[in-house]
Amino acid sequence: MGFTSHSKLPWDELRRRMTGAAPPAPEAAPAEVVPLRRPEQAVPWAELHTHSAYSFLDGASDPAALAEEAVRLGVETVGLTDHDGLYGVVRFAEVAGEIGLRTVFGAELTLGPDEHLLVLARSETGYRRLSATIAAAQLAGGTKGRPRYDFAELAAAHGGEWAVLTGCRKGRVPAALAAGGEPAAERELRSLTEAFGPENVFVELVHQRLPEDDLRNDRLAALAARTGLGVVASNNVHHASPAQGRLAQGLAALHGRDTLRQGGRAHDRLRRRPPALRPGDGRPAGPVSRSAGGHRGVGAVLRLRLRGDGAGPARLPGARGGDRGRSAAHPGRARTLPDR
């Protein structure tokens, strides 16, 4: 009598038979994904703050799902901004290139337990500098997932090739606004502009249909106007569609070591634009609004070209021709970045 441990049964099926569980129901045929119908006067939209599943215990959707849903919704450009790394960039660029989605690459840097900084690369040079900065911080931290950044070194590294957004509730400016009101938030905002230059700093307005969003965005928009800075509207995306909402909430609870009832702060999905940022209500209707001062576009629209031989690192070329455009400085108006 022979015996072999190399069963041809998949482990899930073997476990089902051993436990006496009922066989799984046959899978239904996948439903056809129908693109949404867009109005003729649709405002071009770029979502510049997006987390994929490569943001561990934060993003709930893989880069491919985010890209596909963005195209279905008619989003022209998506900026992938995972935490402290560019891990999802290659997969995201592959899928985006196949389906015609424009891409911006960046990262949300963890400066401390409760302090984040959102950075977008404006060019190939900016991408290289951001990648090198993250790598150095990861090595300096000495422990996986614990990068150590120095703010002064970040200010010295950007060289005008990064766009810095004030970010989510853990960004310096929104956190100061919540803790100390507008005077404290203005001090932090002016500190960012001193470090990175007023042409490189943008006030981010995040709206996720939460009760406090309107008041916070009104105050941030007033700060931007008072300091002469541009504003960016975003959804701070953590999952592609409503189907991943519960998963995103569960991941947030795990990350905070809370129960679903105690934690699991709401995250938002991809949308055409934040629900409360509509034309005519006094806020920017498109991806980026601009105050006086002639700001450059927020992020270079870049595509990642992968080496076909599989050797060496992925190469990020500067955007050229049709690869540039709408994540620029005025709603509905294409504007390219000047050559350096």
C-alpha atoms as a PDB file:
ATOM      1  CA  MET A   1       0.000   0.000   0.000  1.00  0.00           C
ATOM      2  CA  GLY A   2       1.523   3.275  -1.086  1.00  0.00           C
ATOM      3  CA  PHE A   3       1.156   6.705   0.490  1.00  0.00           C
ATOM      4  CA  THR A   4       1.901  10.130  -0.911  1.00  0.00           C
ATOM      5  CA  SER A   5       1.556  13.537   0.724  1.00  0.00           C
ATOM      6  CA  HIS A   6       1.266  15.219  -2.663  1.00  0.00           C
ATOM      7  CA  SER A   7      -2.515  15.329  -2.973  1.00  0.00           C
ATOM      8  CA  LYS A   8      -3.920  16.579  -6.264  1.00  0.00           C
ATOM      9  CA  LEU A   9      -6.816  18.173  -4.404  1.00  0.00           C
ATOM     10  CA  PRO A  10      -6.583  21.890  -3.717  1.00  0.00           C
ATOM     11  CA  TRP A  11      -6.250  22.634  -0.025  1.00  0.00           C
ATOM     12  CA  ASP A  12      -9.655  24.387   0.136  1.00  0.00           C
ATOM     13  CA  GLU A  13     -11.386  21.292  -1.285  1.00  0.00           C
ATOM     14  CA  LEU A  14      -9.466  18.914   0.994  1.00  0.00           C
ATOM     15  CA  ARG A  15     -10.392  20.973   4.027  1.00  0.00           C
ATOM     16  CA  ARG A  16     -14.045  21.060   2.941  1.00  0.00           C
ATOM     17  CA  ARG A  17     -14.196  17.266   2.648  1.00  0.00           C
ATOM     18  CA  MET A  18     -12.473  16.748   5.986  1.00  0.00           C
ATOM     19  CA  THR A  19     -14.880  19.093   7.772  1.00  0.00           C
ATOM     20  CA  GLY A  20     -17.979  17.833   5.979  1.00  0.00           C
ATOM     21  CA  ALA A  21     -18.909  21.291   4.708  1.00  0.00           C
ATOM     22  CA  ALA A  22     -21.326  21.685   1.807  1.00  0.00           C
ATOM     23  CA  PRO A  23     -19.783  22.149  -1.652  1.00  0.00           C
ATOM     24  CA  PRO A  24     -19.549  25.766  -2.807  1.00  0.00           C
ATOM     25  CA  ALA A  25     -22.251  27.145  -5.055  1.00  0.00           C
ATOM     26  CA  PRO A  26     -21.272  27.481  -8.738  1.00  0.00           C
ATOM     27  CA  GLU A  27     -19.854  30.876  -9.592  1.00  0.00           C
ATOM     28  CA  ALA A  28     -22.105  33.173 -11.551  1.00  0.00           C
ATOM     29  CA  ALA A  29     -20.882  34.597 -14.825  1.00  0.00           C
ATOM     30  CA  PRO A  30     -19.185  37.969 -14.294  1.00  0.00           C
ATOM     31  CA  ALA A  31     -21.445  40.911 -14.964  1.00  0.00           C
ATOM     32  CA  GLU A  32     -20.633  43.202 -17.853  1.00  0.00           C
ATOM     33  CA  VAL A  33     -19.039  46.458 -16.758  1.00  0.00           C
ATOM     34  CA  VAL A  34     -20.803  49.311 -18.509  1.00  0.00           C
ATOM     35  CA  PRO A  35     -19.046  52.699 -18.610  1.00  0.00           C
ATOM     36  CA  LEU A  36     -21.019  55.547 -17.113  1.00  0.00           C
ATOM     37  CA  ARG A  37     -22.536  58.068 -19.488  1.00  0.00           C
ATOM     38  CA  ARG A  38     -20.811  61.404 -19.097  1.00  0.00           C
ATOM     39  CA  PRO A  39     -22.495  64.769 -19.641  1.00  0.00           C
ATOM     40  CA  GLU A  40     -21.291  66.697 -22.671  1.00  0.00           C
ATOM     41  CA  GLN A  41     -19.957  69.553 -20.514  1.00  0.00           C
ATOM     42  CA  ALA A  42     -18.149  67.263 -18.053  1.00  0.00           C
ATOM     43  CA  VAL A  43     -15.271  68.946 -16.202  1.00  0.00           C
ATOM     44  CA  PRO A  44     -11.960  67.105 -16.617  1.00  0.00           C
ATOM     45  CA  TRP A  45     -11.097  65.409 -13.332  1.00  0.00           C
ATOM     46  CA  ALA A  46      -7.812  64.220 -11.828  1.00  0.00           C
ATOM     47  CA  GLU A  47      -7.857  62.276  -8.550  1.00  0.00           C
ATOM     48  CA  LEU A  48      -4.464  63.082  -7.029  1.00  0.00           C
ATOM     49  CA  HIS A  49      -4.725  61.309  -3.642  1.00  0.00           C
ATOM     50  CA  THR A  50      -5.238  57.557  -4.033  1.00  0.00           C
ATOM     51  CA  HIS A  51      -4.149  54.605  -1.890  1.00  0.00           C
ATOM     52  CA  SER A  52      -3.980  51.049  -3.208  1.00  0.00           C
ATOM     53  CA  ALA A  53      -3.668  47.795  -1.283  1.00  0.00           C
ATOM     54  CA  TYR A  54       0.085  48.479  -1.231  1.00  0.00           C
ATOM     55  CA  SER A  55      -0.729  50.883   1.600  1.00  0.00           C
ATOM     56  CA  PHE A  56      -0.874  48.067   4.153  1.00  0.00           C
ATOM     57  CA  LEU A  57      -4.052  48.027   6.280  1.00  0.00           C
ATOM     58  CA  ASP A  58      -5.171  51.235   4.591  1.00  0.00           C
ATOM     59  CA  GLY A  59      -5.988  50.754   0.895  1.00  0.00           C
ATOM     60  CA  ALA A  60      -8.457  48.000  -0.009  1.00  0.00           C
ATOM     61  CA  SER A  61      -8.130  47.742  -3.820  1.00  0.00           C
ATOM     62  CA  ASP A  62      -5.236  46.630  -5.970  1.00  0.00           C
ATOM     63  CA  PRO A  63      -3.835  49.130  -8.516  1.00  0.00           C
ATOM     64  CA  ALA A  64      -5.497  47.368 -11.450  1.00  0.00           C
ATOM     65  CA  ALA A  65      -8.961  47.665  -9.882  1.00  0.00           C
ATOM     66  CA  LEU A  66      -8.405  51.365  -9.192  1.00  0.00           C
ATOM     67  CA  ALA A  67      -7.313  52.027 -12.769  1.00  0.00           C
ATOM     68  CA  GLU A  68     -10.230  50.118 -14.295  1.00  0.00           C
ATOM     69  CA  GLU A  69     -12.825  51.825 -12.097  1.00  0.00           C
ATOM     70  CA  ALA A  70     -11.330  55.234 -12.858  1.00  0.00           C
ATOM     71  CA  VAL A  71     -11.771  54.659 -16.586  1.00  0.00           C
ATOM     72  CA  ARG A  72     -15.336  53.422 -16.069  1.00  0.00           C
ATOM     73  CA  LEU A  73     -16.160  56.596 -14.132  1.00  0.00           C
ATOM     74  CA  GLY A  74     -14.531  58.828 -16.720  1.00  0.00           C
ATOM     75  CA  VAL A  75     -11.701  60.008 -14.450  1.00  0.00           C
ATOM     76  CA  GLU A  76      -8.954  61.253 -16.778  1.00  0.00           C
ATOM     77  CA  THR A  77      -5.963  61.048 -14.408  1.00  0.00           C
ATOM     78  CA  VAL A  78      -5.172  59.200 -11.175  1.00  0.00           C
ATOM     79  CA  GLY A  79      -2.271  59.911  -8.850  1.00  0.00           C
ATOM     80  CA  LEU A  80      -1.146  56.835  -6.910  1.00  0.00           C
ATOM     81  CA  THR A  81       0.096  57.937  -3.467  1.00  0.00           C
ATOM     82  CA  ASP A  82       0.743  54.898  -1.291  1.00  0.00           C
ATOM     83  CA  HIS A  83       2.374  55.214   2.111  1.00  0.00           C
ATOM     84  CA  ASP A  84       6.170  55.497   2.127  1.00  0.00           C
ATOM     85  CA  GLY A  85       6.759  53.643  -1.115  1.00  0.00           C
ATOM     86  CA  LEU A  86       6.239  53.348  -4.845  1.00  0.00           C
ATOM     87  CA  TYR A  87       5.409  49.653  -4.633  1.00  0.00           C
ATOM     88  CA  GLY A  88       2.255  49.754  -6.750  1.00  0.00           C
ATOM     89  CA  VAL A  89       3.617  51.981  -9.505  1.00  0.00           C
ATOM     90  CA  VAL A  90       4.706  49.240 -11.924  1.00  0.00           C
ATOM     91  CA  ARG A  91       1.413  47.319 -11.868  1.00  0.00           C
ATOM     92  CA  PHE A  92      -0.578  50.553 -11.948  1.00  0.00           C
ATOM     93  CA  ALA A  93       1.388  51.853 -14.942  1.00  0.00           C
ATOM     94  CA  GLU A  94       0.996  48.568 -16.826  1.00  0.00           C
ATOM     95  CA  VAL A  95      -2.793  48.547 -16.509  1.00  0.00           C
ATOM     96  CA  ALA A  96      -3.171  52.306 -17.025  1.00  0.00           C
ATOM     97  CA  GLY A  97      -1.167  52.111 -20.248  1.00  0.00           C
ATOM     98  CA  GLU A  98      -3.433  49.352 -21.579  1.00  0.00           C
ATOM     99  CA  ILE A  99      -6.689  51.193 -20.880  1.00  0.00           C
ATOM    100  CA  GLY A 100      -5.665  54.785 -21.603  1.00  0.00           C
ATOM    101  CA  LEU A 101      -5.585  56.237 -18.085  1.00  0.00           C
ATOM    102  CA  ARG A 102      -3.175  59.068 -17.384  1.00  0.00           C
ATOM    103  CA  THR A 103      -0.993  58.625 -14.316  1.00  0.00           C
ATOM    104  CA  VAL A 104       0.717  60.711 -11.668  1.00  0.00           C
ATOM    105  CA  PHE A 105       3.079  59.109  -9.156  1.00  0.00           C
ATOM    106  CA  GLY A 106       3.736  60.147  -5.590  1.00  0.00           C
ATOM    107  CA  ALA A 107       3.665  58.964  -1.987  1.00  0.00           C
ATOM    108  CA  GLU A 108       2.286  59.900   1.401  1.00  0.00           C
ATOM    109  CA  LEU A 109       5.300  60.180   3.683  1.00  0.00           C
ATOM    110  CA  THR A 110       4.981  59.284   7.369  1.00  0.00           C
ATOM    111  CA  LEU A 111       6.920  61.980   9.227  1.00  0.00           C
ATOM    112  CA  GLY A 112       5.661  60.768  12.600  1.00  0.00           C
ATOM    113  CA  PRO A 113       2.903  58.651  14.186  1.00  0.00           C
ATOM    114  CA  ASP A 114       0.343  61.387  13.520  1.00  0.00           C
ATOM    115  CA  GLU A 115       1.985  63.440  10.782  1.00  0.00           C
ATOM    116  CA  HIS A 116       1.847  62.794   7.033  1.00  0.00           C
ATOM    117  CA  LEU A 117       3.138  64.710   4.005  1.00  0.00           C
ATOM    118  CA  LEU A 118       1.679  64.095   0.538  1.00  0.00           C
ATOM    119  CA  VAL A 119       4.210  64.488  -2.297  1.00  0.00           C
ATOM    120  CA  LEU A 120       3.617  64.223  -6.062  1.00  0.00           C
ATOM    121  CA  ALA A 121       6.429  63.948  -8.611  1.00  0.00           C
ATOM    122  CA  ARG A 122       6.225  66.691 -11.226  1.00  0.00           C
ATOM    123  CA  SER A 123       8.793  65.175 -13.566  1.00  0.00           C
ATOM    124  CA  GLU A 124      11.186  62.290 -14.109  1.00  0.00           C
ATOM    125  CA  THR A 125      13.700  64.110 -11.926  1.00  0.00           C
ATOM    126  CA  GLY A 126      11.102  64.544  -9.208  1.00  0.00           C
ATOM    127  CA  TYR A 127      10.283  60.836  -9.325  1.00  0.00           C
ATOM    128  CA  ARG A 128      13.948  59.901  -8.944  1.00  0.00           C
ATOM    129  CA  ARG A 129      14.376  62.294  -6.040  1.00  0.00           C
ATOM    130  CA  LEU A 130      11.266  61.009  -4.300  1.00  0.00           C
ATOM    131  CA  SER A 131      12.327  57.379  -4.764  1.00  0.00           C
ATOM    132  CA  ALA A 132      15.808  58.107  -3.391  1.00  0.00           C
ATOM    133  CA  THR A 133      14.372  60.026  -0.437  1.00  0.00           C
ATOM    134  CA  ILE A 134      12.026  57.184   0.507  1.00  0.00           C
ATOM    135  CA  ALA A 135      14.792  54.589   0.166  1.00  0.00           C
ATOM    136  CA  ALA A 136      17.108  56.617   2.419  1.00  0.00           C
ATOM    137  CA  ALA A 137      14.349  57.048   5.022  1.00  0.00           C
ATOM    138  CA  GLN A 138      13.559  53.327   5.033  1.00  0.00           C
ATOM    139  CA  LEU A 139      17.232  52.507   5.618  1.00  0.00           C
ATOM    140  CA  ALA A 140      17.553  55.174   8.300  1.00  0.00           C
ATOM    141  CA  GLY A 141      14.555  53.772  10.155  1.00  0.00           C
ATOM    142  CA  GLY A 142      16.269  50.427  10.643  1.00  0.00           C
ATOM    143  CA  THR A 143      12.938  48.608  11.049  1.00  0.00           C
ATOM    144  CA  LYS A 144      10.483  47.505   8.388  1.00  0.00           C
ATOM    145  CA  GLY A 145       7.623  49.950   8.048  1.00  0.00           C
ATOM    146  CA  ARG A 146       9.310  52.599  10.221  1.00  0.00           C
ATOM    147  CA  PRO A 147      10.944  55.092   7.850  1.00  0.00           C
ATOM    148  CA  ARG A 148      12.695  58.080   9.375  1.00  0.00           C
ATOM    149  CA  TYR A 149      12.494  61.354   7.461  1.00  0.00           C
ATOM    150  CA  ASP A 150      14.141  64.650   8.280  1.00  0.00           C
ATOM    151  CA  PHE A 151      11.953  67.611   7.318  1.00  0.00           C
ATOM    152  CA  ALA A 152      14.918  69.850   6.529  1.00  0.00           C
ATOM    153  CA  GLU A 153      16.334  67.180   4.229  1.00  0.00           C
ATOM    154  CA  LEU A 154      12.973  66.870   2.461  1.00  0.00           C
ATOM    155  CA  ALA A 155      12.941  70.623   1.906  1.00  0.00           C
ATOM    156  CA  ALA A 156      16.433  70.417   0.428  1.00  0.00           C
ATOM    157  CA  ALA A 157      15.660  67.404  -1.781  1.00  0.00           C
ATOM    158  CA  HIS A 158      12.648  68.613  -3.787  1.00  0.00           C
ATOM    159  CA  GLY A 159      14.468  71.030  -6.121  1.00  0.00           C
ATOM    160  CA  GLY A 160      11.148  72.380  -7.382  1.00  0.00           C
ATOM    161  CA  GLU A 161      10.239  68.967  -8.817  1.00  0.00           C
ATOM    162  CA  TRP A 162       7.618  67.995  -6.221  1.00  0.00           C
ATOM    163  CA  ALA A 163       4.105  69.229  -5.606  1.00  0.00           C
ATOM    164  CA  VAL A 164       3.314  69.125  -1.884  1.00  0.00           C
ATOM    165  CA  LEU A 165      -0.323  68.837  -0.813  1.00  0.00           C
ATOM    166  CA  THR A 166      -1.523  69.651   2.694  1.00  0.00           C
ATOM    167  CA  GLY A 167      -3.112  66.197   2.703  1.00  0.00           C
ATOM    168  CA  CYS A 168      -5.499  64.377   4.996  1.00  0.00           C
ATOM    169  CA  ARG A 169      -6.396  64.939   8.655  1.00  0.00           C
ATOM    170  CA  LYS A 170      -2.831  63.895   9.604  1.00  0.00           C
ATOM    171  CA  GLY A 171      -1.264  66.568   7.414  1.00  0.00           C
ATOM    172  CA  ARG A 172       0.343  69.452   9.298  1.00  0.00           C
ATOM    173  CA  VAL A 173      -2.191  72.042   8.197  1.00  0.00           C
ATOM    174  CA  PRO A 174      -5.480  70.119   8.737  1.00  0.00           C
ATOM    175  CA  ALA A 175      -4.188  68.791  12.079  1.00  0.00           C
ATOM    176  CA  ALA A 176      -3.253  72.296  13.224  1.00  0.00           C
ATOM    177  CA  LEU A 177      -6.653  73.589  12.079  1.00  0.00           C
ATOM    178  CA  ALA A 178      -8.422  70.944  14.177  1.00  0.00           C
ATOM    179  CA  ALA A 179      -6.242  71.502  17.242  1.00  0.00           C
ATOM    180  CA  GLY A 180      -5.591  75.258  17.219  1.00  0.00           C
ATOM    181  CA  GLY A 181      -7.882  76.897  14.699  1.00  0.00           C
ATOM    182  CA  GLU A 182      -7.003  79.026  11.687  1.00  0.00           C
ATOM    183  CA  PRO A 183      -4.056  80.913  13.250  1.00  0.00           C
ATOM    184  CA  ALA A 184      -2.243  77.630  13.979  1.00  0.00           C
ATOM    185  CA  ALA A 185      -3.112  76.237  10.542  1.00  0.00           C
ATOM    186  CA  GLU A 186      -1.815  79.385   8.838  1.00  0.00           C
ATOM    187  CA  ARG A 187       1.487  79.122  10.703  1.00  0.00           C
ATOM    188  CA  GLU A 188       1.936  75.528   9.499  1.00  0.00           C
ATOM    189  CA  LEU A 189       0.924  76.453   5.957  1.00  0.00           C
ATOM    190  CA  ARG A 190       3.461  79.270   5.834  1.00  0.00           C
ATOM    191  CA  SER A 191       6.074  76.860   7.203  1.00  0.00           C
ATOM    192  CA  LEU A 192       5.388  74.500   4.287  1.00  0.00           C
ATOM    193  CA  THR A 193       5.642  77.319   1.744  1.00  0.00           C
ATOM    194  CA  GLU A 194       8.948  78.457   3.241  1.00  0.00           C
ATOM    195  CA  ALA A 195      10.312  74.913   2.967  1.00  0.00           C
ATOM    196  CA  PHE A 196       9.038  73.990  -0.513  1.00  0.00           C
ATOM    197  CA  GLY A 197       8.165  77.294  -2.169  1.00  0.00           C
ATOM    198  CA  PRO A 198       4.668  78.793  -2.640  1.00  0.00           C
ATOM    199  CA  GLU A 199       4.568  77.575  -6.257  1.00  0.00           C
ATOM    200  CA  ASN A 200       4.930  73.966  -5.034  1.00  0.00           C
ATOM    201  CA  VAL A 201       2.436  73.877  -2.134  1.00  0.00           C
ATOM    202  CA  PHE A 202      -1.300  73.278  -2.639  1.00  0.00           C
ATOM    203  CA  VAL A 203      -4.117  73.212  -0.095  1.00  0.00           C
ATOM    204  CA  GLU A 204      -6.049  69.944  -0.392  1.00  0.00           C
ATOM    205  CA  LEU A 205      -9.811  69.936   0.139  1.00  0.00           C
ATOM    206  CA  VAL A 206     -11.018  66.426   0.982  1.00  0.00           C
ATOM    207  CA  HIS A 207     -14.743  65.689   1.013  1.00  0.00           C
ATOM    208  CA  GLN A 208     -16.043  62.241   2.005  1.00  0.00           C
ATOM    209  CA  ARG A 209     -19.630  63.194   2.934  1.00  0.00           C
ATOM    210  CA  LEU A 210     -18.760  63.484   6.609  1.00  0.00           C
ATOM    211  CA  PRO A 211     -20.478  66.123   8.762  1.00  0.00           C
ATOM    212  CA  GLU A 212     -17.291  68.104   9.441  1.00  0.00           C
ATOM    213  CA  ASP A 213     -16.072  68.231   5.827  1.00  0.00           C
ATOM    214  CA  ASP A 214     -17.872  71.405   4.712  1.00  0.00           C
ATOM    215  CA  LEU A 215     -16.701  73.610   7.576  1.00  0.00           C
ATOM    216  CA  ARG A 216     -13.108  72.329   7.384  1.00  0.00           C
ATOM    217  CA  ASN A 217     -12.931  72.870   3.612  1.00  0.00           C
ATOM    218  CA  ASP A 218     -14.387  76.380   3.894  1.00  0.00           C
ATOM    219  CA  ARG A 219     -11.685  77.276   6.416  1.00  0.00           C
ATOM    220  CA  LEU A 220      -8.903  75.685   4.364  1.00  0.00           C
ATOM    221  CA  ALA A 221     -10.086  77.442   1.193  1.00  0.00           C
ATOM    222  CA  ALA A 222     -10.062  80.747   3.067  1.00  0.00           C
ATOM    223  CA  LEU A 223      -6.497  80.024   4.209  1.00  0.00           C
ATOM    224  CA  ALA A 224      -5.441  79.299   0.643  1.00  0.00           C
ATOM    225  CA  ALA A 225      -6.955  82.562  -0.565  1.00  0.00           C
ATOM    226  CA  ARG A 226      -5.313  84.524   2.235  1.00  0.00           C
ATOM    227  CA  THR A 227      -1.867  83.068   1.522  1.00  0.00           C
ATOM    228  CA  GLY A 228      -2.203  83.126  -2.282  1.00  0.00           C
ATOM    229  CA  LEU A 229      -1.881  79.356  -2.708  1.00  0.00           C
ATOM    230  CA  GLY A 230      -3.654  77.017  -5.102  1.00  0.00           C
ATOM    231  CA  VAL A 231      -6.184  74.432  -3.963  1.00  0.00           C
ATOM    232  CA  VAL A 232      -6.743  70.806  -4.991  1.00  0.00           C
ATOM    233  CA  ALA A 233     -10.010  68.931  -4.533  1.00  0.00           C
ATOM    234  CA  SER A 234      -9.734  65.206  -3.789  1.00  0.00           C
ATOM    235  CA  ASN A 235     -11.613  62.224  -2.411  1.00  0.00           C
ATOM    236  CA  ASN A 236      -8.596  60.762  -0.513  1.00  0.00           C
ATOM    237  CA  VAL A 237      -9.458  57.438  -2.186  1.00  0.00           C
ATOM    238  CA  HIS A 238      -8.876  54.136  -0.357  1.00  0.00           C
ATOM    239  CA  HIS A 239     -10.986  51.750  -2.433  1.00  0.00           C
ATOM    240  CA  ALA A 240     -12.240  51.539  -5.986  1.00  0.00           C
ATOM    241  CA  SER A 241     -15.980  51.041  -5.557  1.00  0.00           C
ATOM    242  CA  PRO A 242     -18.672  50.706  -2.858  1.00  0.00           C
ATOM    243  CA  ALA A 243     -18.189  46.920  -2.892  1.00  0.00           C
ATOM    244  CA  GLN A 244     -14.850  47.353  -1.070  1.00  0.00           C
ATOM    245  CA  GLY A 245     -16.217  49.807   1.494  1.00  0.00           C
ATOM    246  CA  ARG A 246     -16.657  47.301   4.321  1.00  0.00           C
ATOM    247  CA  LEU A 247     -13.224  45.851   3.673  1.00  0.00           C
ATOM    248  CA  ALA A 248     -11.670  49.324   3.809  1.00  0.00           C
ATOM    249  CA  GLN A 249     -13.454  50.014   7.074  1.00  0.00           C
ATOM    250  CA  GLY A 250     -12.262  46.707   8.523  1.00  0.00           C
ATOM    251  CA  LEU A 251      -8.658  47.401   7.496  1.00  0.00           C
ATOM    252  CA  ALA A 252      -8.817  50.826   9.137  1.00  0.00           C
ATOM    253  CA  ALA A 253     -10.096  49.230  12.353  1.00  0.00           C
ATOM    254  CA  LEU A 254      -7.294  46.660  12.296  1.00  0.00           C
ATOM    255  CA  HIS A 255      -4.729  49.382  11.696  1.00  0.00           C
ATOM    256  CA  GLY A 256      -6.011  51.342  14.674  1.00  0.00           C
ATOM    257  CA  ARG A 257      -6.508  48.178  16.776  1.00  0.00           C
ATOM    258  CA  ASP A 258     -10.156  49.100  17.245  1.00  0.00           C
ATOM    259  CA  THR A 259     -13.439  47.305  16.762  1.00  0.00           C
ATOM    260  CA  LEU A 260     -15.554  48.171  13.739  1.00  0.00           C
ATOM    261  CA  ARG A 261     -17.897  50.078  16.048  1.00  0.00           C
ATOM    262  CA  GLN A 262     -15.083  52.036  17.719  1.00  0.00           C
ATOM    263  CA  GLY A 263     -12.811  52.590  14.732  1.00  0.00           C
ATOM    264  CA  GLY A 264     -12.895  51.983  11.023  1.00  0.00           C
ATOM    265  CA  ARG A 265     -13.001  55.673  10.075  1.00  0.00           C
ATOM    266  CA  ALA A 266     -14.857  56.129   6.806  1.00  0.00           C
ATOM    267  CA  HIS A 267     -12.746  56.095   3.659  1.00  0.00           C
ATOM    268  CA  ASP A 268     -13.937  57.102   0.246  1.00  0.00           C
ATOM    269  CA  ARG A 269     -14.010  55.460  -3.156  1.00  0.00           C
ATOM    270  CA  LEU A 270     -13.251  56.794  -6.617  1.00  0.00           C
ATOM    271  CA  ARG A 271     -15.709  59.410  -7.844  1.00  0.00           C
ATOM    272  CA  ARG A 272     -15.917  61.830 -10.729  1.00  0.00           C
ATOM    273  CA  ARG A 273     -15.377  64.594  -8.137  1.00  0.00           C
ATOM    274  CA  PRO A 274     -16.003  65.084  -4.406  1.00  0.00           C
ATOM    275  CA  PRO A 275     -19.774  65.199  -3.798  1.00  0.00           C
ATOM    276  CA  ALA A 276     -19.823  68.717  -2.361  1.00  0.00           C
ATOM    277  CA  LEU A 277     -17.423  70.337  -4.814  1.00  0.00           C
ATOM    278  CA  ARG A 278     -19.716  71.424  -7.632  1.00  0.00           C
ATOM    279  CA  PRO A 279     -19.468  74.210 -10.191  1.00  0.00           C
ATOM    280  CA  GLY A 280     -21.002  77.429  -8.917  1.00  0.00           C
ATOM    281  CA  ASP A 281     -20.800  76.787  -5.170  1.00  0.00           C
ATOM    282  CA  GLY A 282     -17.643  78.808  -4.606  1.00  0.00           C
ATOM    283  CA  ARG A 283     -15.212  75.884  -4.640  1.00  0.00           C
ATOM    284  CA  PRO A 284     -13.027  74.475  -7.411  1.00  0.00           C
ATOM    285  CA  ALA A 285     -15.021  72.466  -9.938  1.00  0.00           C
ATOM    286  CA  GLY A 286     -12.074  70.568 -11.340  1.00  0.00           C
ATOM    287  CA  PRO A 287      -8.921  68.949 -10.062  1.00  0.00           C
ATOM    288  CA  VAL A 288      -7.000  72.117  -9.366  1.00  0.00           C
ATOM    289  CA  SER A 289      -7.906  75.747  -8.896  1.00  0.00           C
ATOM    290  CA  ARG A 290      -5.323  78.528  -9.090  1.00  0.00           C
ATOM    291  CA  SER A 291      -4.959  81.844  -7.368  1.00  0.00           C
ATOM    292  CA  ALA A 292      -3.013  84.718  -8.855  1.00  0.00           C
ATOM    293  CA  GLY A 293       0.665  84.054  -9.254  1.00  0.00           C
ATOM    294  CA  GLY A 294       0.995  81.772 -12.261  1.00  0.00           C
ATOM    295  CA  HIS A 295       1.546  78.446 -10.519  1.00  0.00           C
ATOM    296  CA  ARG A 296       2.851  75.531 -12.514  1.00  0.00           C
ATOM    297  CA  GLY A 297       0.623  72.503 -12.880  1.00  0.00           C
ATOM    298  CA  VAL A 298       0.418  70.284  -9.807  1.00  0.00           C
ATOM    299  CA  GLY A 299       1.713  67.001 -11.176  1.00  0.00           C
ATOM    300  CA  ALA A 300       3.345  65.923 -14.397  1.00  0.00           C
ATOM    301  CA  VAL A 301       1.190  63.368 -16.150  1.00  0.00           C
ATOM    302  CA  LEU A 302       3.693  60.540 -16.501  1.00  0.00           C
ATOM    303  CA  ARG A 303       3.667  57.047 -17.907  1.00  0.00           C
ATOM    304  CA  LEU A 304       6.020  54.360 -16.763  1.00  0.00           C
ATOM    305  CA  ARG A 305       7.867  52.595 -19.581  1.00  0.00           C
ATOM    306  CA  LEU A 306       8.981  49.124 -18.532  1.00  0.00           C
ATOM    307  CA  ARG A 307      12.074  47.522 -19.947  1.00  0.00           C
ATOM    308  CA  GLY A 308      11.075  44.531 -22.034  1.00  0.00           C
ATOM    309  CA  ASP A 309      14.102  42.427 -21.137  1.00  0.00           C
ATOM    310  CA  GLY A 310      13.157  42.372 -17.470  1.00  0.00           C
ATOM    311  CA  ALA A 311      16.634  43.599 -16.494  1.00  0.00           C
ATOM    312  CA  GLY A 312      17.251  46.598 -14.296  1.00  0.00           C
ATOM    313  CA  PRO A 313      14.794  48.979 -12.676  1.00  0.00           C
ATOM    314  CA  ALA A 314      11.673  50.373 -14.289  1.00  0.00           C
ATOM    315  CA  ARG A 315      12.315  53.629 -16.131  1.00  0.00           C
ATOM    316  CA  LEU A 316      10.110  56.695 -15.750  1.00  0.00           C
ATOM    317  CA  PRO A 317      10.403  59.033 -18.733  1.00  0.00           C
ATOM    318  CA  GLY A 318       9.376  62.656 -18.702  1.00  0.00           C
ATOM    319  CA  ALA A 319       5.920  63.246 -20.102  1.00  0.00           C
ATOM    320  CA  ARG A 320       5.844  64.262 -23.752  1.00  0.00           C
ATOM    321  CA  GLY A 321       3.146  65.313 -26.161  1.00  0.00           C
ATOM    322  CA  GLY A 322      -0.137  63.591 -25.329  1.00  0.00           C
ATOM    323  CA  ASP A 323       1.219  62.315 -22.030  1.00  0.00           C
ATOM    324  CA  ARG A 324       0.942  65.778 -20.553  1.00  0.00           C
ATOM    325  CA  GLY A 325      -2.029  67.889 -19.746  1.00  0.00           C
ATOM    326  CA  ARG A 326      -5.041  67.976 -17.590  1.00  0.00           C
ATOM    327  CA  SER A 327      -3.775  67.662 -14.015  1.00  0.00           C
ATOM    328  CA  ALA A 328      -2.945  71.317 -14.505  1.00  0.00           C
ATOM    329  CA  ALA A 329      -3.612  74.640 -12.949  1.00  0.00           C
ATOM    330  CA  HIS A 330      -7.117  75.548 -14.003  1.00  0.00           C
ATOM    331  CA  PRO A 331     -10.378  73.551 -14.151  1.00  0.00           C
ATOM    332  CA  GLY A 332     -11.037  72.304 -17.654  1.00  0.00           C
ATOM    333  CA  ARG A 333      -7.929  73.889 -19.157  1.00  0.00           C
ATOM    334  CA  ALA A 334      -4.999  71.787 -20.349  1.00  0.00           C
ATOM    335  CA  ARG A 335      -1.639  73.168 -19.341  1.00  0.00           C
ATOM    336  CA  THR A 336       1.731  71.489 -19.773  1.00  0.00           C
ATOM    337  CA  LEU A 337       4.801  71.715 -17.592  1.00  0.00           C
ATOM    338  CA  PRO A 338       7.703  73.656 -19.072  1.00  0.00           C
ATOM    339  CA  ASP A 339      10.809  71.740 -20.079  1.00  0.00           C
ATOM    340  CA  ARG A 340      13.620  72.051 -17.579  1.00  0.00           C
END
